[in-house]
Amino acid sequence: MAERRLWKVYASSFLFLLLFSAGLAWGYSRYTLTRARTFLAELAKLKPGESTFADAQRLRRAYGGVPTSLLTQNPTCSEERCELLFTFDNKPLCYLPGVLQVHLGGDITVKEGRVVESVLLFGRKPNSEFDAGDRRTQEGVIIPPEWEYLYGVRDVAQRAQEEYGLRKSDPDSHGVPHFVTFRLGPRSTAEDKNRAYSIDLSCLARLRGCDSPSSIYPQGWQNW
C-alpha cells in the first residue's frame, strides 16, 4: 500500500512538472510573439535608400540584432558596412510533442550610412530539430535549410522594373510553392508594402494549426 501511494506521489509530481514546463514554454512564446510583431511593424517602416545607419542601430538595440557576414567569422558593424541578423522562434515550445518549429528572421544591410536592403523570412519546418547551415536564393535571400513553407519579403534600394511583385518557387506535386517571395523597391506603393508585411505571426505561440501554407503565407497569396 505504501509503495502504491509513493508511486502516485511520483506520478503527480511528474505531471505537475510537465504541465508547469509546458506553461512556461507557452508563456515565453507569447512574449516572443509580442516582440516579433513589434519588430515586424518597425522593419516595415524602413525605406532602403533613405533609412540610415542610426535607424538600423535603433532596431539592433531594441530587438537584439547580431552583426553577421558570409565573408568573415568576426563581422564588424559600422556606417561603412553593417549587416544585422534578427531571430525569433518558438523555442522552447517547439520541443513539446506535436508542436512544429516556426521561425521569423530579419536581415538589414547598411552601406555608407544608408540602409540598402531589408529582408524578412517567416517559415515552418516539418520536424522538431534545428539544422545548421544556410543557402541563398537567386534573389539573394538567405534561407535556413529544409523549411517546409517559407515566406520572404525583400526590400532593396535599387531594383529593375521587371523584378517587382510576388514570386512563387519550389512547388510540390500539387503545385503548392514551398517558397513565396514579395519583392519591394523604390517604386513600391504603400499598398504593396502593407500587403507584403501583412503576416499572421500567431504560429510562434500556437500549439496546433500551423501545418499548412496558409498559416505561414499572407492571406490571399494564391490570388496575387
Protein backbone atom coordinates (compact mmCIF):
# COMPACT_ATOMS: atom_id res chain seq x y z
CA MET A 1 0.00 0.00 0.00
CA ALA A 2 2.85 2.39 0.87
CA GLU A 3 4.54 1.68 -2.46
CA ARG A 4 1.31 2.46 -4.29
CA ARG A 5 0.96 5.81 -2.50
CA LEU A 6 4.61 6.58 -3.28
CA TRP A 7 4.01 5.77 -6.96
CA LYS A 8 1.04 8.17 -7.01
CA VAL A 9 3.19 10.90 -5.47
CA TYR A 10 5.85 10.39 -8.15
CA ALA A 11 3.25 10.36 -10.92
CA SER A 12 1.57 13.51 -9.61
CA SER A 13 4.92 15.27 -9.28
CA PHE A 14 5.90 14.32 -12.82
CA LEU A 15 2.57 15.51 -14.21
CA PHE A 16 2.89 18.80 -12.32
CA LEU A 17 6.40 19.38 -13.66
CA LEU A 18 5.26 18.54 -17.19
CA LEU A 19 2.34 20.97 -17.05
CA PHE A 20 4.46 23.63 -15.39
CA SER A 21 7.15 23.32 -18.08
CA ALA A 22 4.55 23.46 -20.84
CA GLY A 23 3.06 26.58 -19.26
CA LEU A 24 6.46 28.26 -19.09
CA ALA A 25 7.19 27.36 -22.71
CA TRP A 26 3.87 28.76 -23.88
CA GLY A 27 4.29 31.91 -21.77
CA TYR A 28 7.75 32.59 -23.19
CA SER A 29 6.44 32.01 -26.71
CA ARG A 30 3.72 34.61 -26.10
CA TYR A 31 6.45 37.06 -25.09
CA THR A 32 8.41 36.21 -28.24
CA LEU A 33 5.27 36.69 -30.34
CA THR A 34 4.73 40.19 -28.92
CA ARG A 35 8.32 41.20 -29.68
CA ALA A 36 8.16 39.66 -33.16
CA ARG A 37 5.02 41.62 -34.01
CA THR A 38 6.55 44.95 -32.97
CA PHE A 39 9.75 44.10 -34.87
CA LEU A 40 7.71 43.30 -37.99
CA ALA A 41 5.99 46.70 -37.76
CA GLU A 42 9.32 48.50 -37.30
CA LEU A 43 11.01 46.65 -40.15
CA ALA A 44 8.12 47.54 -42.47
CA LYS A 45 8.78 51.24 -41.77
CA LEU A 46 12.35 51.10 -43.11
CA LYS A 47 12.93 52.68 -46.52
CA PRO A 48 16.04 51.30 -48.23
CA GLY A 49 17.93 54.17 -49.78
CA GLU A 50 16.55 56.63 -47.21
CA SER A 51 16.69 54.99 -43.78
CA THR A 52 20.00 55.47 -42.00
CA PHE A 53 22.58 53.55 -40.02
CA ALA A 54 21.07 55.12 -36.88
CA ASP A 55 17.68 53.59 -37.76
CA ALA A 56 19.29 50.15 -38.08
CA GLN A 57 21.13 50.60 -34.79
CA ARG A 58 17.89 51.52 -33.03
CA LEU A 59 16.37 48.22 -34.14
CA ARG A 60 19.55 46.41 -33.15
CA ARG A 61 19.32 47.70 -29.59
CA ALA A 62 15.59 47.06 -29.28
CA TYR A 63 15.48 43.56 -30.76
CA GLY A 64 18.93 42.09 -30.27
CA GLY A 65 20.27 42.33 -33.82
CA VAL A 66 23.56 40.46 -34.28
CA PRO A 67 26.22 41.53 -36.81
CA THR A 68 26.67 38.82 -39.43
CA SER A 69 28.59 38.17 -42.62
CA LEU A 70 29.19 35.30 -45.05
CA LEU A 71 32.75 36.55 -45.60
CA THR A 72 34.19 36.55 -42.08
CA GLN A 73 33.63 34.84 -38.72
CA ASN A 74 34.05 38.11 -36.81
CA PRO A 75 31.92 40.70 -38.64
CA THR A 76 32.02 44.35 -37.64
CA CYS A 77 29.21 46.88 -37.79
CA SER A 78 29.89 50.45 -38.86
CA GLU A 79 28.31 53.14 -41.01
CA GLU A 80 30.55 51.99 -43.84
CA ARG A 81 29.25 48.41 -43.80
CA CYS A 82 26.88 46.58 -41.48
CA GLU A 83 24.62 43.54 -41.78
CA LEU A 84 22.33 42.75 -38.83
CA LEU A 85 20.51 39.49 -38.23
CA PHE A 86 17.36 39.26 -36.07
CA THR A 87 15.86 35.95 -34.93
CA PHE A 88 12.56 34.98 -33.30
CA ASP A 89 11.39 31.37 -32.98
CA ASN A 90 9.03 29.26 -30.92
CA LYS A 91 11.65 27.72 -28.65
CA PRO A 92 11.14 26.03 -26.23
CA LEU A 93 7.53 25.50 -27.33
CA CYS A 94 8.66 23.54 -30.39
CA TYR A 95 10.28 20.93 -28.13
CA LEU A 96 6.86 19.82 -26.88
CA PRO A 97 5.41 16.73 -28.64
CA GLY A 98 3.49 17.60 -31.79
CA VAL A 99 4.50 21.27 -31.91
CA LEU A 100 6.06 22.31 -35.23
CA GLN A 101 9.07 24.61 -35.39
CA VAL A 102 8.30 28.16 -36.55
CA HIS A 103 10.85 30.88 -37.23
CA LEU A 104 10.86 34.60 -38.02
CA GLY A 105 14.10 36.15 -39.19
CA GLY A 106 15.10 39.63 -40.30
CA ASP A 107 18.20 40.96 -42.03
CA ILE A 108 19.19 44.61 -42.50
CA THR A 109 22.14 45.69 -44.65
CA VAL A 110 23.78 49.13 -44.36
CA LYS A 111 26.34 50.62 -46.75
CA GLU A 112 27.89 54.07 -46.47
CA GLY A 113 25.44 55.17 -43.79
CA ARG A 114 22.25 54.11 -45.56
CA VAL A 115 20.06 51.02 -45.33
CA VAL A 116 20.29 49.41 -48.77
CA GLU A 117 18.32 46.23 -48.12
CA SER A 118 15.93 44.64 -45.62
CA VAL A 119 14.84 41.00 -45.66
CA LEU A 120 12.13 39.20 -43.71
CA LEU A 121 11.68 35.41 -43.57
CA PHE A 122 8.83 33.56 -41.88
CA GLY A 123 8.68 29.79 -42.08
CA ARG A 124 7.84 26.40 -40.66
CA LYS A 125 9.81 23.16 -40.51
CA PRO A 126 8.33 19.67 -40.75
CA ASN A 127 10.37 18.29 -37.84
CA SER A 128 11.30 19.41 -34.32
CA GLU A 129 15.06 19.79 -34.77
CA PHE A 130 17.06 22.81 -35.92
CA ASP A 131 19.56 22.24 -38.75
CA ALA A 132 22.73 24.25 -39.20
CA GLY A 133 23.72 25.97 -42.43
CA ASP A 134 22.03 28.38 -44.80
CA ARG A 135 21.66 28.85 -48.54
CA ARG A 136 20.98 31.86 -50.76
CA THR A 137 18.33 32.06 -53.46
CA GLN A 138 18.88 33.78 -56.81
CA GLU A 139 17.06 36.71 -55.22
CA GLY A 140 19.91 36.94 -52.70
CA VAL A 141 17.79 35.89 -49.72
CA ILE A 142 19.38 33.65 -47.11
CA ILE A 143 17.14 30.63 -46.44
CA PRO A 144 17.50 28.27 -43.48
CA PRO A 145 17.66 24.70 -44.81
CA GLU A 146 14.81 22.25 -45.13
CA TRP A 147 11.95 24.59 -44.34
CA GLU A 148 8.58 23.19 -45.34
CA TYR A 149 6.94 26.57 -46.06
CA LEU A 150 8.85 29.85 -46.18
CA TYR A 151 7.61 33.36 -46.92
CA GLY A 152 10.04 36.18 -47.62
CA VAL A 153 9.96 39.93 -48.18
CA ARG A 154 12.97 41.62 -49.76
CA ASP A 155 13.06 45.40 -50.00
CA VAL A 156 16.06 46.90 -51.81
CA ALA A 157 17.21 50.41 -52.68
CA GLN A 158 17.67 49.54 -56.37
CA ARG A 159 15.52 47.11 -58.36
CA ALA A 160 14.73 46.61 -62.04
CA GLN A 161 11.10 47.18 -63.00
CA GLU A 162 10.52 43.56 -64.03
CA GLU A 163 11.73 42.27 -60.63
CA TYR A 164 8.85 43.67 -58.53
CA GLY A 165 5.99 41.71 -57.03
CA LEU A 166 5.36 38.16 -55.92
CA ARG A 167 7.46 35.18 -56.92
CA LYS A 168 6.48 31.57 -56.14
CA SER A 169 9.05 28.77 -56.31
CA ASP A 170 9.77 25.16 -55.35
CA PRO A 171 6.22 23.84 -56.00
CA ASP A 172 5.25 20.39 -54.72
CA SER A 173 3.33 17.72 -56.64
CA HIS A 174 0.09 19.64 -56.01
CA GLY A 175 1.51 22.91 -57.30
CA VAL A 176 1.82 24.48 -53.82
CA PRO A 177 5.04 26.54 -53.61
CA HIS A 178 7.39 25.95 -50.70
CA PHE A 179 8.88 29.43 -51.03
CA VAL A 180 7.00 32.66 -51.74
CA THR A 181 8.83 35.99 -52.04
CA PHE A 182 7.40 39.50 -52.19
CA ARG A 183 9.90 41.84 -53.88
CA LEU A 184 9.78 45.53 -52.97
CA GLY A 185 11.77 48.56 -54.09
CA PRO A 186 11.65 52.35 -54.59
CA ARG A 187 8.62 52.11 -56.89
CA SER A 188 6.55 50.03 -54.43
CA THR A 189 3.40 51.72 -53.17
CA ALA A 190 2.17 51.90 -49.58
CA GLU A 191 -0.41 49.28 -50.55
CA ASP A 192 2.36 46.99 -51.82
CA LYS A 193 4.25 47.26 -48.54
CA ASN A 194 1.13 46.75 -46.47
CA ARG A 195 0.27 43.62 -48.43
CA ALA A 196 3.81 42.25 -48.22
CA TYR A 197 4.09 42.67 -44.45
CA SER A 198 0.52 41.60 -43.56
CA ILE A 199 1.65 38.36 -41.95
CA ASP A 200 -0.08 36.50 -39.15
CA LEU A 201 2.70 35.53 -36.73
CA SER A 202 0.46 33.69 -34.27
CA CYS A 203 2.09 30.34 -35.10
CA LEU A 204 5.04 31.48 -32.99
CA ALA A 205 2.86 30.82 -29.92
CA ARG A 206 0.44 28.15 -31.15
CA LEU A 207 0.31 24.51 -30.08
CA ARG A 208 -1.62 23.37 -33.17
CA GLY A 209 -2.85 24.57 -36.55
CA CYS A 210 0.43 25.56 -38.21
CA ASP A 211 0.65 22.65 -40.64
CA SER A 212 -0.44 24.36 -43.86
CA PRO A 213 0.98 27.08 -46.14
CA SER A 214 -1.98 29.33 -45.34
CA SER A 215 -0.71 29.56 -41.76
CA ILE A 216 2.61 30.98 -43.00
CA TYR A 217 1.86 32.89 -46.21
CA PRO A 218 -0.17 36.13 -46.17
CA GLN A 219 -3.91 35.90 -46.62
CA GLY A 220 -4.91 35.80 -50.29
CA TRP A 221 -1.45 34.92 -51.60
CA GLN A 222 -2.97 32.35 -54.01
CA ASN A 223 -4.70 35.11 -56.00
CA TRP A 224 -1.79 37.52 -56.22
